Amino acid sequence: MLKNEDLDLVYICTPWEYHAPMAIEAMKSGAHAATEVPIGLTISEIWEVVKTSEATKKHCMMLENCCYDFFEMLTLNMARQGMFGELVHAEGAYIHDLLDLNFNKNGYDNMWRLRENIKMNGNLYPTHGIGPIAQCLNINTGDRMTHLVAMQSNDFQMADKARELAAKDSFYQEFVGKKYRGNMDVTLIKTEKGKTMMIQHDVTSPRPYSRIHLLSGTKGFAQKYPQEGIAFGHSYIKPEELKALYEKYTPELVKFIGEQAKEVGGHGGMDFMMDWRLIDCLRNGLPLDQTVYDGASWSAVVPLSVQSVAKNSRTVEVPDFTRGNWKTNKPHDMTLNGGGNTKIRAKVTGKNIQLDV
């Protein structure tokens, strides 16, 4: 495809192991790259993505859609306006019961996601949790992650599930006797400015879905799950007060495209808003909300957590993919920033969305 087509952008939605190689080849061919999460699985290939983006002067954006959810956008704008004071601590997670889906023959091609849960023992999917809070903490734009530790429970379900299924279906026999990633991974991260972050990952326990999304500052607090709430003291503010904050602090981007995003859908509209914003920035020559350095640092939690768990939860250093430029990089501008002239008409047919740009 890269040899035969003149492409502006390659949009990568493949199994994890192909994200970095495909993004690298796309940029080398002269196209921008947008890749599903994570941007890479090893530190060496993540560095290669960064260096290729720099060398080719092509964007490589990791498609972290949770940064475009409505409460996350609200709290990001509030944090930028100082409503929480100095942010001290933040939490994020990917807690999603995928046990049955991961063992479903028709779930992931060649059971690739289950195989990743055998190959890697760590936080396999950190970016949904870390992306939104990293933006609030100005990671790579005024602060950076310096080191982390990861502690993980044993596996209490996947090995049992494999044996249970294999007793009824020989297809699952190859998954019996494997050592699976543990149920819960808790990764703690420290920043250069002394802030802390806690990221959790659990895709096997029977729990309600949660990304936590918690911000704790010197003047205020916000948390999304199990219910959206903001506090400036011991108690959450009243619903009508939260509604007023939405009216005052909802970013321009959401006001401009949010209702159409909700209508189209895609994880409640955040997928559409992310795609619209990506295209609008590229067409208007604007900086992207998520840079290659963001994708790199957020994705690095995968291999670094694996290293820490393997070392009995010892400290692991986080590379500075910006090479010191985090000190002078400016925070991401989530206003329309001179753009807003991209019109995307969405035609929804069943589960398929056709975009006419």
Protein backbone atom coordinates (compact mmCIF):
# COMPACT_ATOMS: atom_id res chain seq x y z
CA MET A 1 0.00 0.00 0.00
CA LEU A 2 2.76 2.45 0.92
CA LYS A 3 4.51 1.77 -2.40
CA ASN A 4 1.41 2.12 -4.55
CA GLU A 5 -0.53 4.95 -2.89
CA ASP A 6 0.25 8.59 -2.15
CA LEU A 7 -1.00 8.77 1.42
CA ASP A 8 -1.26 11.67 3.85
CA LEU A 9 -2.01 9.56 6.90
CA VAL A 10 -1.81 5.89 7.85
CA TYR A 11 -4.32 4.91 10.56
CA ILE A 12 -3.11 1.77 12.34
CA CYS A 13 -5.58 -0.55 14.10
CA THR A 14 -3.71 -3.85 14.21
CA PRO A 15 -2.53 -6.15 17.03
CA TRP A 16 -0.07 -4.45 19.39
CA GLU A 17 3.12 -6.00 18.01
CA TYR A 18 2.58 -4.34 14.61
CA HIS A 19 1.98 -0.77 15.82
CA ALA A 20 5.60 0.41 15.96
CA PRO A 21 6.81 -1.30 12.74
CA MET A 22 3.84 -0.01 10.75
CA ALA A 23 4.14 3.53 12.14
CA ILE A 24 7.85 3.59 11.32
CA GLU A 25 7.28 2.41 7.74
CA ALA A 26 4.43 4.89 7.27
CA MET A 27 6.59 7.83 8.32
CA LYS A 28 9.50 6.67 6.20
CA SER A 29 7.16 6.58 3.20
CA GLY A 30 6.21 10.22 3.75
CA ALA A 31 2.91 9.79 5.58
CA HIS A 32 1.86 10.82 9.04
CA ALA A 33 1.03 7.91 11.37
CA ALA A 34 -1.81 7.49 13.83
CA THR A 35 -1.63 4.26 15.77
CA GLU A 36 -3.83 2.47 18.23
CA VAL A 37 -2.50 2.08 21.76
CA PRO A 38 0.24 1.39 22.72
CA ILE A 39 2.72 3.01 20.34
CA GLY A 40 5.22 0.19 20.94
CA LEU A 41 5.95 -2.76 23.22
CA THR A 42 9.70 -2.43 23.85
CA ILE A 43 11.81 0.55 24.83
CA SER A 44 14.05 0.10 21.78
CA GLU A 45 11.17 0.17 19.29
CA ILE A 46 9.53 3.08 21.10
CA TRP A 47 12.79 5.03 20.73
CA GLU A 48 12.84 4.07 17.04
CA VAL A 49 9.36 5.53 16.57
CA VAL A 50 10.48 8.79 18.19
CA LYS A 51 13.66 9.03 16.14
CA THR A 52 11.83 8.24 12.90
CA SER A 53 9.26 10.95 13.58
CA GLU A 54 12.04 13.44 14.22
CA ALA A 55 14.04 12.40 11.17
CA THR A 56 11.10 12.40 8.75
CA LYS A 57 9.37 15.40 10.36
CA LYS A 58 6.13 13.43 10.30
CA HIS A 59 3.57 13.29 13.07
CA CYS A 60 3.07 10.04 14.94
CA MET A 61 0.07 10.28 17.22
CA MET A 62 -1.04 7.49 19.49
CA LEU A 63 -4.83 7.26 19.31
CA GLU A 64 -5.54 7.63 23.01
CA ASN A 65 -9.26 8.25 22.75
CA CYS A 66 -9.85 8.55 26.51
CA CYS A 67 -8.16 11.97 26.44
CA TYR A 68 -11.23 13.10 24.48
CA ASP A 69 -13.91 11.87 26.86
CA PHE A 70 -16.10 14.62 28.24
CA PHE A 71 -15.24 14.54 31.97
CA GLU A 72 -11.53 14.16 31.17
CA MET A 73 -11.67 17.22 28.89
CA LEU A 74 -13.56 19.17 31.57
CA THR A 75 -11.04 18.36 34.30
CA LEU A 76 -8.10 19.07 32.00
CA ASN A 77 -9.43 22.56 31.35
CA MET A 78 -10.17 23.05 35.04
CA ALA A 79 -6.63 21.95 35.91
CA ARG A 80 -5.23 24.41 33.36
CA GLN A 81 -7.31 27.18 34.93
CA GLY A 82 -5.92 26.34 38.40
CA MET A 83 -9.21 25.14 39.86
CA PHE A 84 -7.53 22.24 41.66
CA GLY A 85 -4.54 24.31 42.76
CA GLU A 86 -1.22 22.50 42.39
CA LEU A 87 -1.90 18.91 41.34
CA VAL A 88 -0.10 16.57 43.72
CA HIS A 89 -1.35 13.09 42.85
CA ALA A 90 -3.34 11.46 40.06
CA GLU A 91 -4.71 8.00 39.35
CA GLY A 92 -5.85 6.17 36.24
CA ALA A 93 -6.67 2.61 35.31
CA TYR A 94 -7.94 0.09 32.85
CA ILE A 95 -10.21 -2.20 34.86
CA HIS A 96 -12.36 -4.10 32.38
CA ASP A 97 -13.62 -7.67 32.65
CA LEU A 98 -12.35 -9.16 29.36
CA LEU A 99 -11.89 -12.73 30.59
CA ASP A 100 -14.54 -14.24 28.32
CA LEU A 101 -13.60 -12.06 25.34
CA ASN A 102 -9.92 -12.93 25.60
CA PHE A 103 -10.81 -16.64 25.51
CA ASN A 104 -13.40 -16.23 22.74
CA LYS A 105 -12.33 -17.88 19.46
CA ASN A 106 -14.03 -15.07 17.55
CA GLY A 107 -12.79 -12.28 19.78
CA TYR A 108 -9.25 -11.47 18.61
CA ASP A 109 -7.62 -12.85 15.47
CA ASN A 110 -5.54 -15.93 16.31
CA MET A 111 -6.21 -15.22 20.00
CA TRP A 112 -3.50 -12.53 19.84
CA ARG A 113 -4.60 -10.63 22.92
CA LEU A 114 -4.67 -13.77 25.06
CA ARG A 115 -1.18 -14.60 23.81
CA GLU A 116 0.03 -11.15 24.93
CA ASN A 117 -1.27 -11.99 28.42
CA ILE A 118 1.06 -14.99 28.34
CA LYS A 119 4.10 -13.22 26.88
CA MET A 120 4.10 -10.16 29.16
CA ASN A 121 3.69 -9.99 32.92
CA GLY A 122 2.99 -6.36 33.75
CA ASN A 123 0.67 -3.46 32.98
CA LEU A 124 -0.24 -4.35 29.41
CA TYR A 125 -2.70 -1.51 28.78
CA PRO A 126 -1.77 1.61 30.76
CA THR A 127 -2.50 4.42 28.32
CA HIS A 128 -6.28 4.77 28.84
CA GLY A 129 -5.56 5.55 32.48
CA ILE A 130 -2.32 7.47 32.19
CA GLY A 131 -3.04 9.58 29.10
CA PRO A 132 -5.67 11.95 30.53
CA ILE A 133 -3.93 12.43 33.89
CA ALA A 134 -0.52 12.89 32.25
CA GLN A 135 -1.97 15.80 30.26
CA CYS A 136 -3.36 17.31 33.47
CA LEU A 137 0.06 16.98 35.13
CA ASN A 138 1.82 18.52 32.09
CA ILE A 139 3.97 15.45 31.54
CA ASN A 140 6.50 16.27 28.76
CA THR A 141 5.38 19.91 28.91
CA GLY A 142 6.79 21.14 32.22
CA ASP A 143 7.31 17.88 34.10
CA ARG A 144 8.31 14.32 33.29
CA MET A 145 8.05 10.81 34.69
CA THR A 146 11.36 9.77 36.27
CA HIS A 147 10.88 6.27 37.71
CA LEU A 148 8.27 3.66 38.52
CA VAL A 149 7.65 0.52 40.49
CA ALA A 150 5.08 -2.15 39.60
CA MET A 151 3.57 -4.82 41.85
CA GLN A 152 1.35 -7.53 40.49
CA SER A 153 -0.89 -10.22 41.93
CA ASN A 154 -0.66 -13.80 40.75
CA ASP A 155 -3.08 -15.08 38.14
CA PHE A 156 -6.19 -16.42 39.84
CA GLN A 157 -8.43 -16.91 36.80
CA MET A 158 -6.87 -17.24 33.34
CA ALA A 159 -5.09 -20.56 33.88
CA ASP A 160 -8.27 -21.97 35.43
CA LYS A 161 -10.31 -20.66 32.49
CA ALA A 162 -7.97 -22.36 30.01
CA ARG A 163 -8.30 -25.70 31.80
CA GLU A 164 -12.08 -25.34 32.03
CA LEU A 165 -12.43 -24.66 28.30
CA ALA A 166 -9.91 -27.30 27.24
CA ALA A 167 -11.93 -29.97 29.07
CA LYS A 168 -14.76 -29.25 26.62
CA ASP A 169 -12.87 -28.14 23.51
CA SER A 170 -9.44 -29.39 22.37
CA PHE A 171 -8.83 -26.02 20.66
CA TYR A 172 -7.87 -24.59 24.04
CA GLN A 173 -5.37 -27.30 24.91
CA GLU A 174 -2.40 -25.17 23.80
CA PHE A 175 -3.32 -22.58 26.45
CA VAL A 176 -3.25 -25.07 29.31
CA GLY A 177 -0.18 -25.03 31.54
CA LYS A 178 0.89 -21.52 30.51
CA LYS A 179 1.95 -18.88 33.01
CA TYR A 180 -0.48 -15.99 32.69
CA ARG A 181 -0.18 -12.35 33.68
CA GLY A 182 -1.61 -11.68 37.13
CA ASN A 183 -5.06 -10.27 37.80
CA MET A 184 -4.11 -6.85 39.16
CA ASP A 185 -1.07 -4.73 38.34
CA VAL A 186 -0.47 -1.56 40.36
CA THR A 187 2.17 0.78 38.93
CA LEU A 188 3.40 3.78 40.92
CA ILE A 189 5.17 6.59 39.09
CA LYS A 190 7.13 9.59 40.42
CA THR A 191 7.70 12.78 38.43
CA GLU A 192 10.62 15.19 38.32
CA LYS A 193 8.60 17.76 40.29
CA GLY A 194 7.68 15.25 42.99
CA LYS A 195 4.15 14.42 41.86
CA THR A 196 2.87 10.83 42.07
CA MET A 197 0.72 8.73 39.77
CA MET A 198 -0.94 5.37 40.32
CA ILE A 199 -1.99 3.23 37.34
CA GLN A 200 -3.95 -0.03 37.66
CA HIS A 201 -4.59 -2.81 35.16
CA ASP A 202 -7.02 -5.70 35.60
CA VAL A 203 -8.85 -7.36 32.71
CA THR A 204 -9.86 -10.64 34.36
CA SER A 205 -11.58 -9.91 37.68
CA PRO A 206 -15.40 -9.62 37.74
CA ARG A 207 -15.54 -5.89 38.49
CA PRO A 208 -17.42 -2.89 37.10
CA TYR A 209 -15.58 -1.02 34.37
CA SER A 210 -13.36 1.79 35.65
CA ARG A 211 -10.57 4.08 34.47
CA ILE A 212 -10.59 5.83 37.87
CA HIS A 213 -9.42 9.21 36.48
CA LEU A 214 -8.60 10.87 39.79
CA LEU A 215 -6.95 14.24 40.27
CA SER A 216 -5.89 15.48 43.71
CA GLY A 217 -4.60 19.02 44.16
CA THR A 218 -3.96 21.57 46.88
CA LYS A 219 -7.36 23.19 46.30
CA GLY A 220 -9.59 20.52 44.85
CA PHE A 221 -10.28 16.94 43.79
CA ALA A 222 -11.99 15.15 40.91
CA GLN A 223 -12.84 11.52 40.22
CA LYS A 224 -14.82 9.96 37.38
CA TYR A 225 -15.65 6.45 38.58
CA PRO A 226 -17.94 5.05 39.90
CA GLN A 227 -19.66 8.44 39.56
CA GLU A 228 -18.44 11.80 38.29
CA GLY A 229 -17.62 14.06 41.21
CA ILE A 230 -15.65 17.18 42.05
CA ALA A 231 -14.82 18.37 45.55
CA PHE A 232 -13.17 21.39 47.12
CA GLY A 233 -13.30 20.01 50.64
CA HIS A 234 -14.75 17.04 52.53
CA SER A 235 -17.80 16.60 50.31
CA TYR A 236 -18.57 16.46 46.60
CA ILE A 237 -20.25 19.51 45.15
CA LYS A 238 -23.95 19.27 44.36
CA PRO A 239 -25.17 18.11 40.91
CA GLU A 240 -26.30 21.60 39.96
CA GLU A 241 -22.86 22.96 40.86
CA LEU A 242 -21.21 20.29 38.71
CA LYS A 243 -23.52 21.26 35.85
CA ALA A 244 -22.41 24.88 36.24
CA LEU A 245 -18.77 23.83 36.07
CA TYR A 246 -19.49 21.94 32.84
CA GLU A 247 -21.04 25.07 31.39
CA LYS A 248 -18.09 27.24 32.40
CA TYR A 249 -15.11 24.93 31.80
CA THR A 250 -16.12 22.71 28.88
CA PRO A 251 -13.39 23.36 26.27
CA GLU A 252 -14.15 25.04 22.94
CA LEU A 253 -13.40 21.81 21.13
CA VAL A 254 -16.18 19.96 22.97
CA LYS A 255 -18.63 22.84 22.52
CA PHE A 256 -17.89 22.87 18.80
CA ILE A 257 -18.04 19.16 17.94
CA GLY A 258 -19.28 17.41 21.11
CA GLU A 259 -22.93 17.06 20.19
CA GLN A 260 -22.15 15.63 16.75
CA ALA A 261 -19.67 13.28 18.43
CA LYS A 262 -22.35 12.00 20.80
CA GLU A 263 -24.71 11.48 17.86
CA VAL A 264 -22.18 9.46 15.90
CA GLY A 265 -21.02 7.54 18.97
CA GLY A 266 -17.88 5.44 19.30
CA HIS A 267 -17.24 5.02 23.03
CA GLY A 268 -19.80 7.72 23.72
CA GLY A 269 -18.40 10.10 21.12
CA MET A 270 -14.76 10.37 22.17
CA ASP A 271 -13.56 8.32 19.17
CA PHE A 272 -15.21 10.69 16.72
CA MET A 273 -13.96 13.77 18.57
CA MET A 274 -10.41 12.40 18.52
CA ASP A 275 -10.57 11.63 14.78
CA TRP A 276 -12.11 15.00 13.98
CA ARG A 277 -9.46 16.82 16.02
CA LEU A 278 -6.61 14.85 14.42
CA ILE A 279 -7.82 15.63 10.89
CA ASP A 280 -8.53 19.27 11.68
CA CYS A 281 -5.04 19.80 13.12
CA LEU A 282 -3.36 18.13 10.15
CA ARG A 283 -5.39 20.08 7.61
CA ASN A 284 -4.65 23.40 9.34
CA GLY A 285 -0.98 22.74 10.10
CA LEU A 286 -1.57 22.82 13.85
CA PRO A 287 0.35 20.95 16.57
CA LEU A 288 -1.37 17.76 17.65
CA ASP A 289 -2.84 17.36 21.13
CA GLN A 290 -0.78 14.21 21.65
CA THR A 291 2.80 14.22 20.37
CA VAL A 292 5.04 11.28 19.60
CA TYR A 293 6.74 11.96 22.95
CA ASP A 294 3.43 11.51 24.77
CA GLY A 295 2.74 8.24 22.98
CA ALA A 296 6.26 7.10 23.76
CA SER A 297 6.27 7.91 27.48
CA TRP A 298 2.76 6.61 28.13
CA SER A 299 3.46 3.38 26.22
CA ALA A 300 6.80 2.87 27.95
CA VAL A 301 4.87 1.91 31.08
CA VAL A 302 4.19 -1.46 29.41
CA PRO A 303 7.81 -2.74 29.14
CA LEU A 304 8.97 -0.85 32.24
CA SER A 305 6.25 -2.39 34.41
CA VAL A 306 7.21 -5.81 33.05
CA GLN A 307 10.82 -5.12 34.07
CA SER A 308 9.80 -3.97 37.55
CA VAL A 309 7.53 -6.96 38.20
CA ALA A 310 10.31 -9.30 37.06
CA LYS A 311 12.68 -7.61 39.55
CA ASN A 312 10.32 -8.13 42.48
CA SER A 313 8.91 -4.59 42.19
CA ARG A 314 12.23 -2.78 42.09
CA THR A 315 12.52 0.76 40.79
CA VAL A 316 12.92 1.21 37.03
CA GLU A 317 13.99 4.48 35.41
CA VAL A 318 11.72 6.07 32.78
CA PRO A 319 13.57 7.34 29.69
CA ASP A 320 13.27 11.01 28.81
CA PHE A 321 12.09 10.75 25.23
CA THR A 322 12.07 14.57 24.93
CA ARG A 323 15.81 14.69 25.78
CA GLY A 324 15.30 17.56 28.18
CA ASN A 325 12.82 19.53 26.09
CA TRP A 326 10.07 18.84 28.63
CA LYS A 327 11.48 21.82 30.52
CA THR A 328 10.51 24.29 27.79
CA ASN A 329 7.71 22.49 25.88
CA LYS A 330 4.39 24.30 26.25
CA PRO A 331 1.24 22.51 27.49
CA HIS A 332 -1.15 21.26 24.84
CA ASP A 333 -3.65 23.84 23.61
CA MET A 334 -7.06 22.20 23.71
CA THR A 335 -8.87 25.19 22.20
CA LEU A 336 -9.72 25.20 18.50
CA ASN A 337 -6.50 27.20 18.02
CA GLY A 338 -7.41 28.69 14.66
CA GLY A 339 -8.83 25.48 13.25
CA GLY A 340 -12.39 24.30 13.27
CA ASN A 341 -13.04 24.44 9.54
CA THR A 342 -13.01 20.69 8.93
CA LYS A 343 -16.45 19.32 8.18
CA ILE A 344 -16.92 15.61 8.68
CA ARG A 345 -20.27 14.14 7.76
CA ALA A 346 -20.81 10.76 9.33
CA LYS A 347 -23.06 8.11 7.85
CA VAL A 348 -23.76 5.29 10.28
CA THR A 349 -24.78 1.92 8.83
CA GLY A 350 -25.11 -0.76 11.46
CA LYS A 351 -21.74 -0.91 13.19
CA ASN A 352 -19.89 0.85 10.36
CA ILE A 353 -19.17 4.58 10.22
CA GLN A 354 -18.37 6.13 6.85
CA LEU A 355 -16.64 9.50 7.11
CA ASP A 356 -16.89 12.00 4.29
CA VAL A 357 -14.19 14.61 4.92
